[in-house]
N, C-alpha and C. Protein backbone atom coordinates (compact mmCIF):
# COMPACT_ATOMS: atom_id res chain seq x y z
N MET A 1 -39.10 -66.40 81.63
CA MET A 1 -38.12 -66.74 82.67
C MET A 1 -38.87 -67.08 83.95
N LEU A 2 -38.43 -68.14 84.59
CA LEU A 2 -39.03 -68.54 85.86
C LEU A 2 -38.56 -67.63 86.98
N TYR A 3 -39.48 -67.28 87.83
CA TYR A 3 -39.17 -66.58 89.08
C TYR A 3 -39.72 -67.41 90.22
N LEU A 4 -39.05 -67.38 91.34
CA LEU A 4 -39.60 -68.02 92.53
C LEU A 4 -40.89 -67.33 92.93
N THR A 5 -41.87 -68.11 93.36
CA THR A 5 -43.05 -67.48 93.96
C THR A 5 -42.60 -66.80 95.26
N GLU A 6 -43.41 -65.88 95.75
CA GLU A 6 -43.06 -65.18 96.99
C GLU A 6 -42.83 -66.16 98.13
N ASN A 7 -43.68 -67.20 98.19
CA ASN A 7 -43.55 -68.19 99.26
C ASN A 7 -42.24 -68.98 99.13
N ASP A 8 -41.91 -69.41 97.89
CA ASP A 8 -40.68 -70.17 97.68
C ASP A 8 -39.45 -69.29 97.89
N LYS A 9 -39.54 -68.03 97.51
CA LYS A 9 -38.44 -67.10 97.75
C LYS A 9 -38.18 -66.95 99.24
N LEU A 10 -39.26 -66.84 100.02
CA LEU A 10 -39.11 -66.74 101.48
C LEU A 10 -38.49 -68.00 102.06
N ILE A 11 -38.95 -69.16 101.58
CA ILE A 11 -38.40 -70.43 102.08
C ILE A 11 -36.91 -70.49 101.81
N ILE A 12 -36.51 -70.24 100.55
CA ILE A 12 -35.08 -70.35 100.19
C ILE A 12 -34.25 -69.33 100.94
N ASN A 13 -34.67 -68.08 100.93
CA ASN A 13 -33.86 -67.05 101.57
C ASN A 13 -33.77 -67.24 103.09
N ASN A 14 -34.88 -67.62 103.72
CA ASN A 14 -34.86 -67.87 105.17
C ASN A 14 -34.00 -69.09 105.51
N CYS A 15 -34.17 -70.17 104.74
CA CYS A 15 -33.38 -71.38 105.00
C CYS A 15 -31.89 -71.13 104.74
N TYR A 16 -31.58 -70.32 103.74
CA TYR A 16 -30.19 -70.02 103.42
C TYR A 16 -29.54 -69.24 104.57
N GLN A 17 -30.26 -68.26 105.11
CA GLN A 17 -29.72 -67.49 106.24
C GLN A 17 -29.58 -68.36 107.48
N LYS A 18 -30.55 -69.25 107.71
CA LYS A 18 -30.46 -70.17 108.86
C LYS A 18 -29.29 -71.13 108.70
N PHE A 19 -29.09 -71.63 107.47
CA PHE A 19 -27.95 -72.50 107.20
C PHE A 19 -26.63 -71.78 107.50
N LEU A 20 -26.49 -70.55 107.01
CA LEU A 20 -25.26 -69.79 107.25
C LEU A 20 -25.03 -69.57 108.74
N GLN A 21 -26.09 -69.21 109.44
CA GLN A 21 -25.96 -68.95 110.88
C GLN A 21 -25.60 -70.23 111.64
N SER A 22 -26.23 -71.34 111.28
CA SER A 22 -25.95 -72.62 111.93
C SER A 22 -24.51 -73.06 111.69
N LEU A 23 -24.05 -72.91 110.45
CA LEU A 23 -22.66 -73.28 110.12
C LEU A 23 -21.68 -72.41 110.90
N LYS A 24 -21.98 -71.13 110.99
CA LYS A 24 -21.13 -70.22 111.77
C LYS A 24 -21.04 -70.70 113.23
N GLU A 25 -22.17 -71.02 113.81
CA GLU A 25 -22.19 -71.47 115.21
C GLU A 25 -21.43 -72.78 115.38
N ASP A 26 -21.56 -73.69 114.40
CA ASP A 26 -20.85 -74.97 114.47
C ASP A 26 -19.34 -74.75 114.43
N ILE A 27 -18.89 -73.94 113.50
CA ILE A 27 -17.45 -73.69 113.37
C ILE A 27 -16.93 -72.98 114.62
N GLN A 28 -17.66 -71.99 115.10
CA GLN A 28 -17.21 -71.25 116.28
C GLN A 28 -17.23 -72.12 117.54
N SER A 29 -18.12 -73.10 117.60
CA SER A 29 -18.18 -73.97 118.77
C SER A 29 -16.93 -74.85 118.89
N HIS A 30 -16.22 -75.02 117.79
CA HIS A 30 -14.97 -75.78 117.78
C HIS A 30 -13.76 -74.87 117.92
N CYS A 31 -14.02 -73.58 118.21
CA CYS A 31 -12.95 -72.58 118.43
C CYS A 31 -11.99 -72.49 117.25
N ILE A 32 -12.54 -72.63 116.04
CA ILE A 32 -11.72 -72.49 114.83
C ILE A 32 -11.83 -71.05 114.37
N LYS A 33 -10.70 -70.33 114.39
CA LYS A 33 -10.71 -68.90 114.09
C LYS A 33 -9.85 -68.54 112.89
N ASP A 34 -8.91 -69.40 112.53
CA ASP A 34 -8.01 -69.12 111.42
C ASP A 34 -8.77 -69.20 110.09
N SER A 35 -8.60 -68.20 109.23
CA SER A 35 -9.35 -68.16 107.97
C SER A 35 -9.05 -69.35 107.07
N LEU A 36 -7.80 -69.78 107.02
CA LEU A 36 -7.45 -70.93 106.17
C LEU A 36 -8.03 -72.23 106.71
N ASP A 37 -8.07 -72.38 108.04
CA ASP A 37 -8.68 -73.57 108.63
C ASP A 37 -10.19 -73.59 108.36
N CYS A 38 -10.82 -72.44 108.50
CA CYS A 38 -12.27 -72.35 108.21
C CYS A 38 -12.53 -72.69 106.75
N TYR A 39 -11.74 -72.13 105.86
CA TYR A 39 -11.90 -72.39 104.44
C TYR A 39 -11.70 -73.88 104.13
N SER A 40 -10.69 -74.48 104.75
CA SER A 40 -10.41 -75.91 104.54
C SER A 40 -11.61 -76.77 104.92
N ILE A 41 -12.23 -76.47 106.05
CA ILE A 41 -13.42 -77.21 106.50
C ILE A 41 -14.57 -77.02 105.51
N ILE A 42 -14.79 -75.79 105.10
CA ILE A 42 -15.91 -75.47 104.21
C ILE A 42 -15.75 -76.20 102.88
N VAL A 43 -14.53 -76.18 102.31
CA VAL A 43 -14.29 -76.84 101.03
C VAL A 43 -14.47 -78.35 101.16
N LYS A 44 -14.03 -78.91 102.27
CA LYS A 44 -14.21 -80.35 102.50
C LYS A 44 -15.70 -80.72 102.55
N LEU A 45 -16.47 -79.94 103.29
CA LEU A 45 -17.91 -80.18 103.36
C LEU A 45 -18.56 -80.04 101.99
N LEU A 46 -18.15 -79.02 101.25
CA LEU A 46 -18.68 -78.77 99.92
C LEU A 46 -18.39 -79.94 98.98
N LYS A 47 -17.14 -80.35 98.91
CA LYS A 47 -16.73 -81.45 98.01
C LYS A 47 -17.43 -82.75 98.34
N ASP A 48 -17.63 -82.99 99.64
CA ASP A 48 -18.25 -84.25 100.07
C ASP A 48 -19.78 -84.23 99.96
N GLY A 49 -20.34 -83.17 99.37
CA GLY A 49 -21.78 -83.11 99.15
C GLY A 49 -22.58 -82.76 100.39
N ARG A 50 -21.93 -82.25 101.44
CA ARG A 50 -22.64 -81.96 102.69
C ARG A 50 -23.47 -80.69 102.62
N PHE A 51 -23.29 -79.90 101.55
CA PHE A 51 -24.11 -78.71 101.35
C PHE A 51 -25.17 -78.96 100.27
N SER A 52 -25.39 -80.23 99.93
CA SER A 52 -26.37 -80.60 98.91
C SER A 52 -27.48 -81.43 99.53
N PHE A 53 -28.69 -81.22 99.08
CA PHE A 53 -29.84 -81.93 99.67
C PHE A 53 -29.78 -83.43 99.43
N ASN A 54 -29.04 -83.86 98.39
CA ASN A 54 -28.95 -85.29 98.09
C ASN A 54 -27.56 -85.86 98.40
N SER A 55 -26.74 -85.09 99.11
CA SER A 55 -25.40 -85.51 99.54
C SER A 55 -24.44 -85.79 98.40
N ASN A 56 -24.71 -85.24 97.22
CA ASN A 56 -23.81 -85.34 96.08
C ASN A 56 -23.48 -83.94 95.59
N MET A 57 -22.27 -83.75 95.09
CA MET A 57 -21.89 -82.44 94.57
C MET A 57 -21.14 -82.60 93.27
N LYS A 58 -21.61 -81.86 92.24
CA LYS A 58 -20.93 -81.83 90.94
C LYS A 58 -20.55 -80.39 90.64
N TYR A 59 -19.41 -80.24 89.99
CA TYR A 59 -18.95 -78.93 89.53
C TYR A 59 -19.10 -78.93 88.02
N SER A 60 -19.83 -77.97 87.49
CA SER A 60 -20.06 -77.94 86.04
C SER A 60 -20.28 -76.51 85.57
N SER A 61 -19.63 -76.18 84.45
CA SER A 61 -19.86 -74.88 83.83
C SER A 61 -20.85 -74.99 82.67
N SER A 62 -21.26 -76.21 82.32
CA SER A 62 -22.10 -76.40 81.14
C SER A 62 -23.53 -76.86 81.47
N PHE A 63 -23.85 -77.06 82.73
CA PHE A 63 -25.19 -77.50 83.12
C PHE A 63 -26.21 -76.41 82.77
N ASN A 64 -27.43 -76.82 82.47
CA ASN A 64 -28.49 -75.87 82.14
C ASN A 64 -29.11 -75.32 83.43
N TYR A 65 -28.41 -74.36 84.04
CA TYR A 65 -28.82 -73.82 85.33
C TYR A 65 -30.08 -72.98 85.21
N LEU A 66 -30.89 -73.06 86.25
CA LEU A 66 -32.02 -72.15 86.37
C LEU A 66 -31.48 -70.75 86.62
N ASN A 67 -32.08 -69.79 85.97
CA ASN A 67 -31.75 -68.40 86.24
C ASN A 67 -32.88 -67.82 87.07
N LEU A 68 -32.73 -67.90 88.38
CA LEU A 68 -33.76 -67.41 89.30
C LEU A 68 -33.26 -66.10 89.92
N PRO A 69 -33.64 -64.97 89.31
CA PRO A 69 -33.06 -63.70 89.74
C PRO A 69 -33.45 -63.27 91.15
N ASN A 70 -34.47 -63.86 91.73
CA ASN A 70 -34.88 -63.43 93.08
C ASN A 70 -34.47 -64.44 94.14
N MET A 71 -33.25 -65.01 93.97
CA MET A 71 -32.73 -65.99 94.91
C MET A 71 -31.25 -65.73 95.16
N ALA A 72 -30.79 -65.95 96.38
CA ALA A 72 -29.36 -65.88 96.68
C ALA A 72 -28.66 -66.96 95.86
N GLU A 73 -27.69 -66.56 95.02
CA GLU A 73 -27.09 -67.52 94.08
C GLU A 73 -26.31 -68.63 94.77
N GLY A 74 -25.77 -68.36 95.96
CA GLY A 74 -25.06 -69.40 96.68
C GLY A 74 -25.95 -70.58 97.04
N ALA A 75 -27.26 -70.34 97.14
CA ALA A 75 -28.21 -71.39 97.48
C ALA A 75 -28.33 -72.44 96.38
N GLN A 76 -27.92 -72.10 95.15
CA GLN A 76 -27.96 -73.05 94.03
C GLN A 76 -27.18 -74.33 94.37
N VAL A 77 -26.12 -74.20 95.14
CA VAL A 77 -25.27 -75.34 95.49
C VAL A 77 -26.09 -76.42 96.21
N MET A 78 -27.13 -76.02 96.92
CA MET A 78 -27.93 -76.97 97.69
C MET A 78 -28.66 -77.98 96.79
N TYR A 79 -28.72 -77.70 95.48
CA TYR A 79 -29.31 -78.65 94.55
C TYR A 79 -28.31 -79.75 94.18
N GLY A 80 -27.03 -79.53 94.51
CA GLY A 80 -26.02 -80.56 94.28
C GLY A 80 -25.16 -80.33 93.07
N ILE A 81 -25.26 -79.13 92.50
CA ILE A 81 -24.42 -78.80 91.34
C ILE A 81 -24.18 -77.30 91.35
N GLY A 82 -23.02 -76.90 90.86
CA GLY A 82 -22.74 -75.47 90.82
C GLY A 82 -21.59 -75.14 89.89
N CYS A 83 -21.61 -73.95 89.36
CA CYS A 83 -20.50 -73.42 88.57
C CYS A 83 -19.65 -72.55 89.49
N CYS A 84 -18.62 -71.92 88.94
CA CYS A 84 -17.72 -71.10 89.77
C CYS A 84 -18.49 -69.99 90.49
N ARG A 85 -19.48 -69.43 89.82
CA ARG A 85 -20.24 -68.32 90.41
C ARG A 85 -21.00 -68.79 91.66
N HIS A 86 -21.73 -69.89 91.54
CA HIS A 86 -22.52 -70.38 92.68
C HIS A 86 -21.61 -70.80 93.83
N ILE A 87 -20.58 -71.56 93.49
CA ILE A 87 -19.71 -72.13 94.52
C ILE A 87 -18.94 -71.04 95.26
N ASN A 88 -18.34 -70.12 94.50
CA ASN A 88 -17.54 -69.09 95.15
C ASN A 88 -18.40 -68.01 95.81
N LEU A 89 -19.62 -67.81 95.33
CA LEU A 89 -20.55 -66.92 96.06
C LEU A 89 -20.91 -67.53 97.40
N LEU A 90 -21.14 -68.85 97.43
CA LEU A 90 -21.41 -69.53 98.70
C LEU A 90 -20.22 -69.38 99.65
N ILE A 91 -19.01 -69.62 99.12
CA ILE A 91 -17.80 -69.48 99.94
C ILE A 91 -17.73 -68.06 100.52
N ASN A 92 -17.97 -67.06 99.69
CA ASN A 92 -17.92 -65.67 100.14
C ASN A 92 -18.96 -65.40 101.22
N ASP A 93 -20.18 -65.89 101.02
CA ASP A 93 -21.23 -65.69 102.03
C ASP A 93 -20.84 -66.32 103.36
N ILE A 94 -20.26 -67.51 103.31
CA ILE A 94 -19.86 -68.19 104.55
C ILE A 94 -18.72 -67.44 105.23
N MET A 95 -17.70 -67.06 104.46
CA MET A 95 -16.56 -66.36 105.07
C MET A 95 -17.00 -65.02 105.67
N LYS A 96 -17.92 -64.35 105.01
CA LYS A 96 -18.42 -63.06 105.54
C LYS A 96 -19.17 -63.26 106.85
N ILE A 97 -20.04 -64.27 106.92
CA ILE A 97 -20.80 -64.46 108.15
C ILE A 97 -19.88 -64.91 109.29
N LEU A 98 -18.75 -65.50 108.94
CA LEU A 98 -17.76 -65.86 109.96
C LEU A 98 -16.95 -64.64 110.41
N GLY A 99 -17.18 -63.50 109.77
CA GLY A 99 -16.54 -62.26 110.20
C GLY A 99 -15.28 -61.91 109.45
N PHE A 100 -14.98 -62.64 108.37
CA PHE A 100 -13.78 -62.34 107.61
C PHE A 100 -14.04 -61.27 106.56
N ASN A 101 -13.00 -60.56 106.20
CA ASN A 101 -13.07 -59.49 105.22
C ASN A 101 -12.87 -60.08 103.83
N SER A 102 -13.93 -60.61 103.27
CA SER A 102 -13.85 -61.25 101.96
C SER A 102 -14.74 -60.52 100.97
N ILE A 103 -14.31 -60.53 99.72
CA ILE A 103 -15.11 -59.93 98.64
C ILE A 103 -14.97 -60.80 97.39
N LEU A 104 -15.90 -60.63 96.48
CA LEU A 104 -15.84 -61.33 95.20
C LEU A 104 -14.92 -60.57 94.26
N LEU A 105 -14.17 -61.31 93.47
CA LEU A 105 -13.33 -60.74 92.42
C LEU A 105 -13.78 -61.33 91.10
N TYR A 106 -14.26 -60.46 90.22
CA TYR A 106 -14.72 -60.90 88.90
C TYR A 106 -13.55 -60.86 87.92
N VAL A 107 -13.43 -61.94 87.14
CA VAL A 107 -12.25 -62.14 86.30
C VAL A 107 -12.69 -62.49 84.88
N LYS A 108 -11.94 -61.98 83.92
CA LYS A 108 -12.09 -62.41 82.53
C LYS A 108 -10.86 -63.24 82.20
N VAL A 109 -11.06 -64.53 81.94
CA VAL A 109 -9.95 -65.41 81.57
C VAL A 109 -9.91 -65.47 80.05
N ASP A 110 -8.77 -65.04 79.47
CA ASP A 110 -8.69 -65.00 78.01
C ASP A 110 -8.23 -66.35 77.44
N GLU A 111 -8.05 -66.39 76.12
CA GLU A 111 -7.73 -67.65 75.44
C GLU A 111 -6.35 -68.20 75.81
N THR A 112 -5.49 -67.36 76.44
CA THR A 112 -4.18 -67.84 76.90
C THR A 112 -4.20 -68.17 78.39
N ASP A 113 -5.39 -68.22 78.98
CA ASP A 113 -5.58 -68.49 80.41
C ASP A 113 -5.01 -67.39 81.31
N THR A 114 -4.89 -66.19 80.76
CA THR A 114 -4.46 -65.03 81.54
C THR A 114 -5.69 -64.39 82.16
N TRP A 115 -5.57 -64.03 83.44
CA TRP A 115 -6.68 -63.42 84.17
C TRP A 115 -6.60 -61.91 84.08
N HIS A 116 -7.78 -61.28 83.89
CA HIS A 116 -7.90 -59.83 83.89
C HIS A 116 -9.08 -59.46 84.78
N ARG A 117 -8.93 -58.40 85.56
CA ARG A 117 -10.08 -57.93 86.35
C ARG A 117 -11.21 -57.57 85.40
N ALA A 118 -12.42 -57.81 85.84
CA ALA A 118 -13.57 -57.57 84.98
C ALA A 118 -14.75 -57.10 85.82
N THR A 119 -15.81 -56.73 85.16
CA THR A 119 -17.06 -56.40 85.84
C THR A 119 -17.93 -57.65 85.86
N PRO A 120 -18.96 -57.67 86.69
CA PRO A 120 -19.83 -58.86 86.69
C PRO A 120 -20.43 -59.17 85.31
N LEU A 121 -20.63 -58.14 84.49
CA LEU A 121 -21.21 -58.36 83.16
C LEU A 121 -20.21 -58.95 82.17
N THR A 122 -18.92 -58.60 82.30
CA THR A 122 -17.93 -59.06 81.32
C THR A 122 -17.12 -60.26 81.81
N ALA A 123 -17.29 -60.64 83.06
CA ALA A 123 -16.49 -61.73 83.64
C ALA A 123 -16.96 -63.09 83.14
N ASN A 124 -16.01 -64.02 83.07
CA ASN A 124 -16.35 -65.41 82.80
C ASN A 124 -15.87 -66.32 83.94
N HIS A 125 -15.44 -65.68 85.03
CA HIS A 125 -15.02 -66.43 86.22
C HIS A 125 -15.14 -65.51 87.43
N VAL A 126 -15.37 -66.12 88.59
CA VAL A 126 -15.44 -65.34 89.83
C VAL A 126 -14.72 -66.12 90.92
N VAL A 127 -13.94 -65.39 91.73
CA VAL A 127 -13.20 -65.97 92.84
C VAL A 127 -13.43 -65.10 94.07
N VAL A 128 -12.83 -65.49 95.18
CA VAL A 128 -12.98 -64.75 96.44
C VAL A 128 -11.60 -64.27 96.88
N THR A 129 -11.51 -63.01 97.27
CA THR A 129 -10.29 -62.53 97.92
C THR A 129 -10.62 -62.24 99.37
N LEU A 130 -9.65 -62.51 100.22
CA LEU A 130 -9.88 -62.36 101.67
C LEU A 130 -8.64 -61.77 102.31
N LYS A 131 -8.86 -60.75 103.14
CA LYS A 131 -7.78 -60.15 103.91
C LYS A 131 -7.90 -60.62 105.34
N ASP A 132 -6.79 -61.12 105.88
CA ASP A 132 -6.76 -61.63 107.25
C ASP A 132 -5.46 -61.15 107.89
N ASN A 133 -5.59 -60.21 108.82
CA ASN A 133 -4.43 -59.55 109.43
C ASN A 133 -3.60 -58.91 108.31
N ASN A 134 -2.34 -59.30 108.17
CA ASN A 134 -1.49 -58.71 107.13
C ASN A 134 -1.43 -59.54 105.86
N ASP A 135 -2.21 -60.62 105.81
CA ASP A 135 -2.19 -61.49 104.64
C ASP A 135 -3.42 -61.29 103.78
N GLU A 136 -3.24 -61.52 102.48
CA GLU A 136 -4.36 -61.49 101.55
C GLU A 136 -4.33 -62.76 100.73
N TYR A 137 -5.50 -63.38 100.56
CA TYR A 137 -5.59 -64.67 99.88
C TYR A 137 -6.56 -64.59 98.71
N LEU A 138 -6.35 -65.48 97.76
CA LEU A 138 -7.28 -65.68 96.67
C LEU A 138 -7.79 -67.12 96.78
N PHE A 139 -9.10 -67.26 96.96
CA PHE A 139 -9.74 -68.57 97.09
C PHE A 139 -10.53 -68.87 95.82
N ASP A 140 -10.36 -70.07 95.31
CA ASP A 140 -11.19 -70.53 94.20
C ASP A 140 -11.58 -71.98 94.48
N ALA A 141 -12.70 -72.15 95.15
CA ALA A 141 -13.15 -73.50 95.52
C ALA A 141 -13.56 -74.30 94.29
N TYR A 142 -13.97 -73.63 93.22
CA TYR A 142 -14.37 -74.34 92.01
C TYR A 142 -13.17 -75.06 91.39
N ASN A 143 -12.03 -74.38 91.34
CA ASN A 143 -10.81 -74.96 90.76
C ASN A 143 -9.87 -75.52 91.82
N ASN A 144 -10.29 -75.49 93.07
CA ASN A 144 -9.58 -76.12 94.18
C ASN A 144 -8.16 -75.57 94.37
N PHE A 145 -8.05 -74.24 94.48
CA PHE A 145 -6.75 -73.68 94.84
C PHE A 145 -6.89 -72.47 95.75
N VAL A 146 -5.80 -72.23 96.47
CA VAL A 146 -5.66 -71.07 97.35
C VAL A 146 -4.29 -70.47 97.08
N PHE A 147 -4.27 -69.15 96.91
CA PHE A 147 -3.00 -68.44 96.76
C PHE A 147 -2.91 -67.33 97.81
N ARG A 148 -1.70 -67.10 98.29
CA ARG A 148 -1.41 -65.91 99.09
C ARG A 148 -0.98 -64.83 98.09
N ILE A 149 -1.59 -63.66 98.20
CA ILE A 149 -1.25 -62.55 97.31
C ILE A 149 -0.10 -61.77 97.95
N VAL A 150 1.02 -61.73 97.26
CA VAL A 150 2.20 -61.01 97.75
C VAL A 150 2.61 -60.03 96.66
N GLY A 151 2.23 -58.77 96.84
CA GLY A 151 2.49 -57.78 95.79
C GLY A 151 1.72 -58.16 94.54
N TYR A 152 2.47 -58.39 93.46
CA TYR A 152 1.85 -58.82 92.19
C TYR A 152 2.00 -60.32 91.97
N ASP A 153 2.53 -61.01 92.96
CA ASP A 153 2.75 -62.45 92.83
C ASP A 153 1.71 -63.25 93.60
N LEU A 154 1.52 -64.48 93.17
CA LEU A 154 0.62 -65.42 93.84
C LEU A 154 1.45 -66.62 94.30
N GLU A 155 1.41 -66.88 95.61
CA GLU A 155 2.12 -68.02 96.17
C GLU A 155 1.12 -69.10 96.55
N PRO A 156 1.26 -70.32 96.03
CA PRO A 156 0.33 -71.40 96.40
C PRO A 156 0.36 -71.66 97.91
N VAL A 157 -0.80 -71.95 98.46
CA VAL A 157 -0.93 -72.24 99.89
C VAL A 157 -1.41 -73.67 100.05
N GLU A 158 -0.74 -74.42 100.89
CA GLU A 158 -1.15 -75.80 101.21
C GLU A 158 -2.07 -75.73 102.42
N LEU A 159 -3.27 -76.23 102.28
CA LEU A 159 -4.22 -76.20 103.39
C LEU A 159 -3.99 -77.39 104.32
N LYS A 160 -4.24 -77.16 105.60
CA LYS A 160 -4.20 -78.27 106.56
C LYS A 160 -5.38 -79.18 106.31
N ILE A 161 -5.16 -80.46 106.50
CA ILE A 161 -6.28 -81.41 106.42
C ILE A 161 -6.97 -81.38 107.77
N MET A 162 -8.22 -80.94 107.76
CA MET A 162 -8.98 -80.80 109.00
C MET A 162 -9.76 -82.09 109.25
N ASP A 163 -9.91 -82.45 110.50
CA ASP A 163 -10.75 -83.59 110.87
C ASP A 163 -12.18 -83.30 110.45
N ASP A 164 -12.93 -84.36 110.23
CA ASP A 164 -14.32 -84.20 109.79
C ASP A 164 -15.22 -83.84 110.97
N ILE A 165 -14.91 -82.74 111.63
CA ILE A 165 -15.60 -82.42 112.87
C ILE A 165 -17.05 -82.01 112.68
N LEU A 166 -17.41 -81.57 111.50
CA LEU A 166 -18.79 -81.11 111.29
C LEU A 166 -19.59 -82.04 110.40
N MET A 167 -19.00 -83.13 109.97
CA MET A 167 -19.62 -83.95 108.94
C MET A 167 -20.99 -84.50 109.30
N THR A 168 -21.21 -84.85 110.53
CA THR A 168 -22.46 -85.53 110.88
C THR A 168 -23.66 -84.58 110.87
N LYS A 169 -23.43 -83.28 110.84
CA LYS A 169 -24.54 -82.34 110.93
C LYS A 169 -25.11 -81.93 109.57
N TYR A 170 -24.49 -82.36 108.49
CA TYR A 170 -24.89 -81.88 107.18
C TYR A 170 -25.14 -83.06 106.24
N PRO A 171 -26.11 -82.95 105.33
CA PRO A 171 -26.93 -81.77 105.08
C PRO A 171 -28.00 -81.58 106.16
N ASP A 172 -28.15 -80.34 106.59
CA ASP A 172 -29.14 -80.05 107.61
C ASP A 172 -30.51 -79.82 106.95
N ASP A 173 -31.54 -79.61 107.77
CA ASP A 173 -32.90 -79.47 107.24
C ASP A 173 -33.05 -78.26 106.32
N ASN A 174 -32.27 -77.20 106.58
CA ASN A 174 -32.35 -76.01 105.73
C ASN A 174 -31.85 -76.32 104.32
N ILE A 175 -30.76 -77.06 104.23
CA ILE A 175 -30.22 -77.45 102.93
C ILE A 175 -31.22 -78.33 102.19
N LYS A 176 -31.83 -79.27 102.90
CA LYS A 176 -32.81 -80.17 102.27
C LYS A 176 -34.02 -79.40 101.76
N GLU A 177 -34.47 -78.43 102.54
CA GLU A 177 -35.63 -77.62 102.13
C GLU A 177 -35.33 -76.83 100.86
N ILE A 178 -34.16 -76.21 100.80
CA ILE A 178 -33.76 -75.46 99.61
C ILE A 178 -33.67 -76.39 98.41
N GLY A 179 -33.03 -77.53 98.58
CA GLY A 179 -32.88 -78.48 97.49
C GLY A 179 -34.20 -78.96 96.92
N LEU A 180 -35.17 -79.20 97.80
CA LEU A 180 -36.48 -79.66 97.33
C LEU A 180 -37.22 -78.58 96.56
N VAL A 181 -37.09 -77.33 96.98
CA VAL A 181 -37.72 -76.23 96.23
C VAL A 181 -37.05 -76.12 94.86
N LEU A 182 -35.72 -76.18 94.82
CA LEU A 182 -35.02 -76.09 93.53
C LEU A 182 -35.37 -77.27 92.63
N LYS A 183 -35.52 -78.44 93.21
CA LYS A 183 -35.90 -79.63 92.43
C LYS A 183 -37.22 -79.39 91.70
N LYS A 184 -38.16 -78.76 92.39
CA LYS A 184 -39.46 -78.46 91.78
C LYS A 184 -39.29 -77.54 90.57
N TYR A 185 -38.44 -76.51 90.71
CA TYR A 185 -38.26 -75.56 89.61
C TYR A 185 -37.47 -76.17 88.45
N TYR A 186 -36.53 -77.05 88.77
CA TYR A 186 -35.82 -77.74 87.68
C TYR A 186 -36.78 -78.66 86.91
N LYS A 187 -37.71 -79.25 87.61
CA LYS A 187 -38.71 -80.09 86.95
C LYS A 187 -39.60 -79.24 86.04
N LEU A 188 -39.99 -78.06 86.53
CA LEU A 188 -40.80 -77.16 85.70
C LEU A 188 -40.02 -76.75 84.45
N GLN A 189 -38.73 -76.45 84.62
CA GLN A 189 -37.89 -76.08 83.47
C GLN A 189 -37.81 -77.24 82.47
N GLU A 190 -37.67 -78.45 82.98
CA GLU A 190 -37.59 -79.64 82.13
C GLU A 190 -38.87 -79.82 81.33
N LEU A 191 -40.00 -79.44 81.92
CA LEU A 191 -41.29 -79.57 81.25
C LEU A 191 -41.58 -78.42 80.30
N GLY A 192 -40.65 -77.45 80.24
CA GLY A 192 -40.83 -76.32 79.33
C GLY A 192 -41.63 -75.17 79.91
N VAL A 193 -41.90 -75.21 81.20
CA VAL A 193 -42.66 -74.12 81.84
C VAL A 193 -41.70 -72.96 82.09
N ASP A 194 -42.07 -71.77 81.60
CA ASP A 194 -41.19 -70.62 81.81
C ASP A 194 -41.86 -69.51 82.62
N HIS A 195 -43.07 -69.79 83.11
CA HIS A 195 -43.74 -68.80 83.96
C HIS A 195 -44.76 -69.52 84.84
N ILE A 196 -44.78 -69.14 86.10
CA ILE A 196 -45.84 -69.64 86.98
C ILE A 196 -46.50 -68.44 87.65
N TYR A 197 -47.80 -68.53 87.79
CA TYR A 197 -48.53 -67.44 88.43
C TYR A 197 -48.38 -67.56 89.94
N ASP A 198 -48.18 -66.42 90.55
CA ASP A 198 -47.94 -66.38 91.99
C ASP A 198 -49.23 -65.95 92.69
N TYR A 199 -49.88 -66.90 93.35
CA TYR A 199 -51.12 -66.59 94.06
C TYR A 199 -50.89 -66.46 95.57
N SER A 200 -49.63 -66.29 95.96
CA SER A 200 -49.32 -66.29 97.39
C SER A 200 -49.39 -64.91 98.04
N TYR A 201 -49.84 -63.89 97.28
CA TYR A 201 -49.93 -62.56 97.88
C TYR A 201 -51.34 -62.19 98.19
């Protein structure tokens, strides 16, 4: 199994934290405080490839993803492709740094498309739940829906279409740096390399 070298791990983790902080500052500079408005902006940027080093974004559950256990999984999106885990982990990381009370919800979707709470080991899907004042929401950016949780019921939520106020700033240099590191590791995987020696210590 491939692991990031210590140097590459530092690059990805530092750039990921800088990206999150920069995005937080950008959103706050526009005085956007509503959780649904923030989520709407984030999903728009995500779909338009603004969180990808090559400005393209694909959603796929069947891609041969790198399993890099020493990397923040949300950073995978910066390569331009992600499954529900990568995409919704990124959403959760962003909502948390914006100060919202969000957590991951692991789900087992059965053959009848019924959802059951699960553990990270038994889940085949992951979404984000967020509490904002007296409301609770379920976000799934991978499947492009938002629900308001009302007791045991889910009510669909229509998001406002937000102006492209942050579009010109992304992808930023942090996203590009992460994408280039991931590109190197995907190339190694393609060549059949499953271990690299770390001489950076």
